[in-house]
Amino acid sequence: MTDENGAPRSYVTVEVYDQIYHLSGQDEEHIRALAARVDAKMRAVAGLGHTADSLRVAVLAALNLADELSQLERATQAQTQRPDPRSDLRFGHARAVSLRGLLDEVLEDERKTGS
């Protein structure tokens, strides 16, 4: 089998919850790390419950991982929406300098015209 560029596709063999999977991807180490994380989560879920059904364990592990992702997304969103107080100060200072320059121009024009 080849990828979209015609290069031979490489497969990574991983084991998740005592099952062997042959996965393809560009970053083998990343795939192995993801598989290890899923395996660890499934084993943790299985250790807490009394079910031997691997499908049930997989669904519960997926729900746990989805919850972790959701919490991370909320935290990231909250951080990006919270303005940096230092940027507010910088903006305020820049705005004050700009307004002062405009005021100086107006006053200079009035001084020149005598109005």
N, C-alpha and C. Protein backbone atom coordinates (compact mmCIF):
# COMPACT_ATOMS: atom_id res chain seq x y z
N MET A 1 0.84 -1.17 0.00
CA MET A 1 0.00 0.00 0.00
C MET A 1 0.89 1.24 0.00
N THR A 2 0.42 2.32 -0.67
CA THR A 2 1.19 3.55 -0.75
C THR A 2 0.35 4.73 -0.29
N ASP A 3 1.04 5.82 0.06
CA ASP A 3 0.32 7.03 0.45
C ASP A 3 -0.04 7.84 -0.79
N GLU A 4 -0.56 9.06 -0.59
CA GLU A 4 -1.01 9.89 -1.71
C GLU A 4 0.13 10.33 -2.61
N ASN A 5 1.37 10.26 -2.14
CA ASN A 5 2.54 10.64 -2.95
C ASN A 5 3.19 9.44 -3.61
N GLY A 6 2.62 8.25 -3.43
CA GLY A 6 3.19 7.05 -4.03
C GLY A 6 4.26 6.38 -3.20
N ALA A 7 4.59 6.95 -2.04
CA ALA A 7 5.61 6.36 -1.16
C ALA A 7 4.99 5.20 -0.39
N PRO A 8 5.79 4.19 -0.11
CA PRO A 8 5.25 3.07 0.67
C PRO A 8 4.77 3.55 2.04
N ARG A 9 3.60 3.11 2.42
CA ARG A 9 3.02 3.51 3.70
C ARG A 9 3.59 2.60 4.79
N SER A 10 4.04 3.20 5.86
CA SER A 10 4.58 2.41 6.97
C SER A 10 3.51 2.24 8.03
N TYR A 11 3.56 1.11 8.68
CA TYR A 11 2.60 0.81 9.73
C TYR A 11 3.30 0.70 11.06
N VAL A 12 2.60 1.10 12.09
CA VAL A 12 3.10 0.98 13.45
C VAL A 12 2.23 -0.05 14.14
N THR A 13 2.85 -0.99 14.79
CA THR A 13 2.10 -2.00 15.53
C THR A 13 2.07 -1.59 16.99
N VAL A 14 0.86 -1.48 17.52
CA VAL A 14 0.68 -1.10 18.92
C VAL A 14 -0.26 -2.10 19.58
N GLU A 15 -0.20 -2.12 20.89
CA GLU A 15 -1.09 -2.97 21.66
C GLU A 15 -1.90 -2.09 22.61
N VAL A 16 -3.21 -2.21 22.51
CA VAL A 16 -4.10 -1.46 23.37
C VAL A 16 -5.06 -2.44 24.02
N TYR A 17 -5.01 -2.51 25.32
CA TYR A 17 -5.88 -3.37 26.11
C TYR A 17 -5.86 -4.81 25.60
N ASP A 18 -4.63 -5.30 25.42
CA ASP A 18 -4.34 -6.67 25.00
C ASP A 18 -4.79 -7.00 23.57
N GLN A 19 -5.00 -5.97 22.77
CA GLN A 19 -5.33 -6.17 21.35
C GLN A 19 -4.25 -5.52 20.51
N ILE A 20 -3.87 -6.17 19.42
CA ILE A 20 -2.84 -5.66 18.52
C ILE A 20 -3.52 -4.88 17.40
N TYR A 21 -2.96 -3.70 17.12
CA TYR A 21 -3.48 -2.86 16.03
C TYR A 21 -2.30 -2.43 15.15
N HIS A 22 -2.54 -2.43 13.85
CA HIS A 22 -1.55 -1.96 12.88
C HIS A 22 -2.07 -0.62 12.35
N LEU A 23 -1.41 0.45 12.73
CA LEU A 23 -1.86 1.80 12.40
C LEU A 23 -0.86 2.47 11.47
N SER A 24 -1.37 3.33 10.60
CA SER A 24 -0.48 4.07 9.73
C SER A 24 -0.49 5.53 10.14
N GLY A 25 0.61 6.18 9.90
CA GLY A 25 0.72 7.59 10.24
C GLY A 25 2.13 8.07 10.00
N GLN A 26 2.30 9.37 10.03
CA GLN A 26 3.60 9.95 9.73
C GLN A 26 4.54 9.97 10.93
N ASP A 27 3.99 10.03 12.14
CA ASP A 27 4.81 10.15 13.34
C ASP A 27 4.62 8.92 14.23
N GLU A 28 5.50 7.95 14.06
CA GLU A 28 5.36 6.69 14.78
C GLU A 28 5.37 6.88 16.29
N GLU A 29 6.25 7.72 16.78
CA GLU A 29 6.34 7.93 18.23
C GLU A 29 5.05 8.53 18.78
N HIS A 30 4.46 9.44 18.03
CA HIS A 30 3.20 10.05 18.46
C HIS A 30 2.09 9.00 18.50
N ILE A 31 2.04 8.14 17.50
CA ILE A 31 1.04 7.08 17.47
C ILE A 31 1.23 6.14 18.65
N ARG A 32 2.48 5.79 18.92
CA ARG A 32 2.75 4.91 20.07
C ARG A 32 2.34 5.59 21.39
N ALA A 33 2.62 6.87 21.51
CA ALA A 33 2.25 7.60 22.74
C ALA A 33 0.73 7.65 22.90
N LEU A 34 0.02 7.89 21.80
CA LEU A 34 -1.45 7.91 21.88
C LEU A 34 -1.99 6.55 22.27
N ALA A 35 -1.46 5.50 21.66
CA ALA A 35 -1.91 4.14 21.99
C ALA A 35 -1.63 3.82 23.46
N ALA A 36 -0.48 4.24 23.94
CA ALA A 36 -0.14 3.99 25.35
C ALA A 36 -1.10 4.74 26.27
N ARG A 37 -1.48 5.95 25.88
CA ARG A 37 -2.41 6.73 26.70
C ARG A 37 -3.79 6.08 26.73
N VAL A 38 -4.26 5.62 25.57
CA VAL A 38 -5.56 4.95 25.52
C VAL A 38 -5.50 3.66 26.33
N ASP A 39 -4.43 2.89 26.19
CA ASP A 39 -4.28 1.66 26.95
C ASP A 39 -4.31 1.93 28.45
N ALA A 40 -3.57 2.95 28.88
CA ALA A 40 -3.53 3.29 30.31
C ALA A 40 -4.91 3.71 30.81
N LYS A 41 -5.63 4.51 30.00
CA LYS A 41 -6.96 4.96 30.42
C LYS A 41 -7.91 3.77 30.50
N MET A 42 -7.85 2.87 29.52
CA MET A 42 -8.72 1.70 29.55
C MET A 42 -8.43 0.83 30.77
N ARG A 43 -7.17 0.67 31.10
CA ARG A 43 -6.81 -0.16 32.26
C ARG A 43 -7.26 0.52 33.57
N ALA A 44 -7.16 1.83 33.61
CA ALA A 44 -7.62 2.56 34.80
C ALA A 44 -9.12 2.42 34.96
N VAL A 45 -9.86 2.55 33.87
CA VAL A 45 -11.32 2.41 33.91
C VAL A 45 -11.69 0.98 34.31
N ALA A 46 -11.02 0.01 33.73
CA ALA A 46 -11.31 -1.39 34.05
C ALA A 46 -10.99 -1.69 35.51
N GLY A 47 -9.95 -1.05 36.04
CA GLY A 47 -9.57 -1.26 37.44
C GLY A 47 -10.59 -0.70 38.42
N LEU A 48 -11.36 0.30 37.98
CA LEU A 48 -12.36 0.91 38.87
C LEU A 48 -13.70 0.18 38.83
N GLY A 49 -13.97 -0.50 37.74
CA GLY A 49 -15.28 -1.12 37.58
C GLY A 49 -15.23 -2.61 37.74
N HIS A 50 -16.38 -3.19 37.53
CA HIS A 50 -16.49 -4.64 37.66
C HIS A 50 -16.88 -5.25 36.32
N THR A 51 -16.57 -4.57 35.22
CA THR A 51 -16.94 -5.09 33.92
C THR A 51 -15.74 -5.68 33.22
N ALA A 52 -15.97 -6.78 32.53
CA ALA A 52 -14.91 -7.40 31.75
C ALA A 52 -15.14 -7.14 30.27
N ASP A 53 -16.24 -6.47 29.94
CA ASP A 53 -16.59 -6.19 28.55
C ASP A 53 -15.67 -5.11 28.00
N SER A 54 -14.81 -5.47 27.06
CA SER A 54 -13.83 -4.52 26.56
C SER A 54 -14.47 -3.36 25.80
N LEU A 55 -15.60 -3.59 25.15
CA LEU A 55 -16.28 -2.49 24.46
C LEU A 55 -16.76 -1.46 25.46
N ARG A 56 -17.32 -1.92 26.57
CA ARG A 56 -17.78 -1.00 27.62
C ARG A 56 -16.61 -0.22 28.22
N VAL A 57 -15.51 -0.91 28.45
CA VAL A 57 -14.31 -0.27 28.98
C VAL A 57 -13.81 0.79 27.99
N ALA A 58 -13.82 0.45 26.70
CA ALA A 58 -13.36 1.39 25.67
C ALA A 58 -14.23 2.64 25.62
N VAL A 59 -15.54 2.45 25.71
CA VAL A 59 -16.46 3.61 25.67
C VAL A 59 -16.26 4.48 26.90
N LEU A 60 -16.13 3.88 28.06
CA LEU A 60 -15.91 4.65 29.28
C LEU A 60 -14.57 5.38 29.24
N ALA A 61 -13.55 4.73 28.71
CA ALA A 61 -12.24 5.37 28.56
C ALA A 61 -12.34 6.54 27.58
N ALA A 62 -13.05 6.35 26.48
CA ALA A 62 -13.23 7.43 25.49
C ALA A 62 -13.97 8.60 26.12
N LEU A 63 -14.98 8.33 26.92
CA LEU A 63 -15.70 9.41 27.60
C LEU A 63 -14.78 10.16 28.57
N ASN A 64 -13.94 9.43 29.27
CA ASN A 64 -12.98 10.08 30.18
C ASN A 64 -12.01 10.96 29.41
N LEU A 65 -11.48 10.46 28.30
CA LEU A 65 -10.55 11.24 27.48
C LEU A 65 -11.25 12.46 26.87
N ALA A 66 -12.49 12.27 26.43
CA ALA A 66 -13.26 13.40 25.88
C ALA A 66 -13.50 14.46 26.94
N ASP A 67 -13.75 14.04 28.18
CA ASP A 67 -13.94 14.99 29.27
C ASP A 67 -12.65 15.76 29.54
N GLU A 68 -11.52 15.08 29.55
CA GLU A 68 -10.23 15.76 29.74
C GLU A 68 -9.99 16.78 28.64
N LEU A 69 -10.28 16.41 27.41
CA LEU A 69 -10.12 17.32 26.28
C LEU A 69 -11.04 18.52 26.41
N SER A 70 -12.27 18.28 26.80
CA SER A 70 -13.24 19.36 26.97
C SER A 70 -12.80 20.35 28.04
N GLN A 71 -12.29 19.84 29.15
CA GLN A 71 -11.80 20.72 30.22
C GLN A 71 -10.61 21.54 29.74
N LEU A 72 -9.72 20.92 28.99
CA LEU A 72 -8.56 21.63 28.45
C LEU A 72 -9.00 22.71 27.47
N GLU A 73 -9.97 22.39 26.62
CA GLU A 73 -10.48 23.39 25.66
C GLU A 73 -11.11 24.57 26.39
N ARG A 74 -11.89 24.30 27.44
CA ARG A 74 -12.51 25.39 28.21
C ARG A 74 -11.46 26.26 28.87
N ALA A 75 -10.44 25.63 29.43
CA ALA A 75 -9.37 26.40 30.09
C ALA A 75 -8.61 27.25 29.08
N THR A 76 -8.34 26.69 27.92
CA THR A 76 -7.64 27.43 26.87
C THR A 76 -8.49 28.59 26.39
N GLN A 77 -9.77 28.34 26.20
CA GLN A 77 -10.68 29.40 25.74
C GLN A 77 -10.78 30.51 26.78
N ALA A 78 -10.84 30.15 28.04
CA ALA A 78 -10.91 31.16 29.10
C ALA A 78 -9.64 32.01 29.12
N GLN A 79 -8.50 31.38 28.89
CA GLN A 79 -7.24 32.13 28.88
C GLN A 79 -7.17 33.08 27.70
N THR A 80 -7.62 32.65 26.53
CA THR A 80 -7.53 33.51 25.35
C THR A 80 -8.54 34.64 25.40
N GLN A 81 -9.63 34.46 26.14
CA GLN A 81 -10.63 35.51 26.24
C GLN A 81 -10.31 36.52 27.33
N ARG A 82 -9.46 36.13 28.28
CA ARG A 82 -9.10 37.02 29.37
C ARG A 82 -8.01 37.96 28.89
N PRO A 83 -8.27 39.26 28.86
CA PRO A 83 -7.24 40.18 28.38
C PRO A 83 -6.06 40.24 29.34
N ASP A 84 -4.92 40.41 28.77
CA ASP A 84 -3.70 40.57 29.55
C ASP A 84 -3.68 42.00 30.09
N PRO A 85 -3.66 42.19 31.41
CA PRO A 85 -3.68 43.54 31.97
C PRO A 85 -2.52 44.40 31.48
N ARG A 86 -1.39 43.77 31.20
CA ARG A 86 -0.25 44.55 30.70
C ARG A 86 -0.55 45.10 29.31
N SER A 87 -1.29 44.33 28.48
CA SER A 87 -1.61 44.84 27.15
C SER A 87 -2.59 45.99 27.26
N ASP A 88 -3.48 45.94 28.25
CA ASP A 88 -4.40 47.06 28.47
C ASP A 88 -3.63 48.32 28.83
N LEU A 89 -2.61 48.18 29.67
CA LEU A 89 -1.79 49.33 30.06
C LEU A 89 -1.03 49.88 28.87
N ARG A 90 -0.46 48.96 28.06
CA ARG A 90 0.28 49.41 26.87
C ARG A 90 -0.66 50.12 25.91
N PHE A 91 -1.85 49.56 25.71
CA PHE A 91 -2.81 50.18 24.80
C PHE A 91 -3.23 51.54 25.35
N GLY A 92 -3.50 51.60 26.64
CA GLY A 92 -3.91 52.86 27.26
C GLY A 92 -2.83 53.92 27.13
N HIS A 93 -1.59 53.53 27.33
CA HIS A 93 -0.48 54.48 27.21
C HIS A 93 -0.34 54.96 25.77
N ALA A 94 -0.40 54.03 24.82
CA ALA A 94 -0.29 54.40 23.41
C ALA A 94 -1.43 55.32 23.00
N ARG A 95 -2.62 55.02 23.49
CA ARG A 95 -3.78 55.86 23.17
C ARG A 95 -3.62 57.25 23.77
N ALA A 96 -3.11 57.34 24.98
CA ALA A 96 -2.90 58.64 25.62
C ALA A 96 -1.86 59.46 24.85
N VAL A 97 -0.80 58.81 24.42
CA VAL A 97 0.23 59.50 23.65
C VAL A 97 -0.36 60.01 22.34
N SER A 98 -1.16 59.18 21.69
CA SER A 98 -1.78 59.57 20.43
C SER A 98 -2.73 60.75 20.62
N LEU A 99 -3.55 60.69 21.65
CA LEU A 99 -4.49 61.79 21.92
C LEU A 99 -3.75 63.07 22.30
N ARG A 100 -2.67 62.93 23.05
CA ARG A 100 -1.89 64.10 23.42
C ARG A 100 -1.30 64.75 22.17
N GLY A 101 -0.84 63.94 21.22
CA GLY A 101 -0.31 64.46 19.97
C GLY A 101 -1.37 65.20 19.18
N LEU A 102 -2.58 64.63 19.12
CA LEU A 102 -3.68 65.31 18.42
C LEU A 102 -4.04 66.63 19.09
N LEU A 103 -4.09 66.63 20.40
CA LEU A 103 -4.41 67.84 21.15
C LEU A 103 -3.33 68.91 20.92
N ASP A 104 -2.06 68.49 20.94
CA ASP A 104 -0.97 69.43 20.66
C ASP A 104 -1.13 70.06 19.28
N GLU A 105 -1.52 69.26 18.29
CA GLU A 105 -1.70 69.78 16.94
C GLU A 105 -2.84 70.81 16.89
N VAL A 106 -3.94 70.48 17.54
CA VAL A 106 -5.09 71.39 17.55
C VAL A 106 -4.70 72.70 18.25
N LEU A 107 -4.04 72.59 19.38
CA LEU A 107 -3.65 73.80 20.12
C LEU A 107 -2.64 74.62 19.32
N GLU A 108 -1.74 73.96 18.64
CA GLU A 108 -0.75 74.67 17.81
C GLU A 108 -1.45 75.40 16.66
N ASP A 109 -2.41 74.74 16.02
CA ASP A 109 -3.18 75.38 14.94
C ASP A 109 -3.94 76.59 15.47
N GLU A 110 -4.55 76.45 16.64
CA GLU A 110 -5.30 77.58 17.22
C GLU A 110 -4.35 78.73 17.58
N ARG A 111 -3.18 78.39 18.09
CA ARG A 111 -2.21 79.42 18.44
C ARG A 111 -1.77 80.19 17.20
N LYS A 112 -1.57 79.46 16.09
CA LYS A 112 -1.12 80.09 14.84
C LYS A 112 -2.20 80.98 14.24
N THR A 113 -3.43 80.54 14.31
CA THR A 113 -4.54 81.28 13.69
C THR A 113 -5.09 82.34 14.64
N GLY A 114 -4.79 82.19 15.92
CA GLY A 114 -5.29 83.15 16.92
C GLY A 114 -6.74 82.95 17.26
N SER A 115 -7.29 81.76 16.98
CA SER A 115 -8.71 81.54 17.29
C SER A 115 -8.93 81.08 18.68
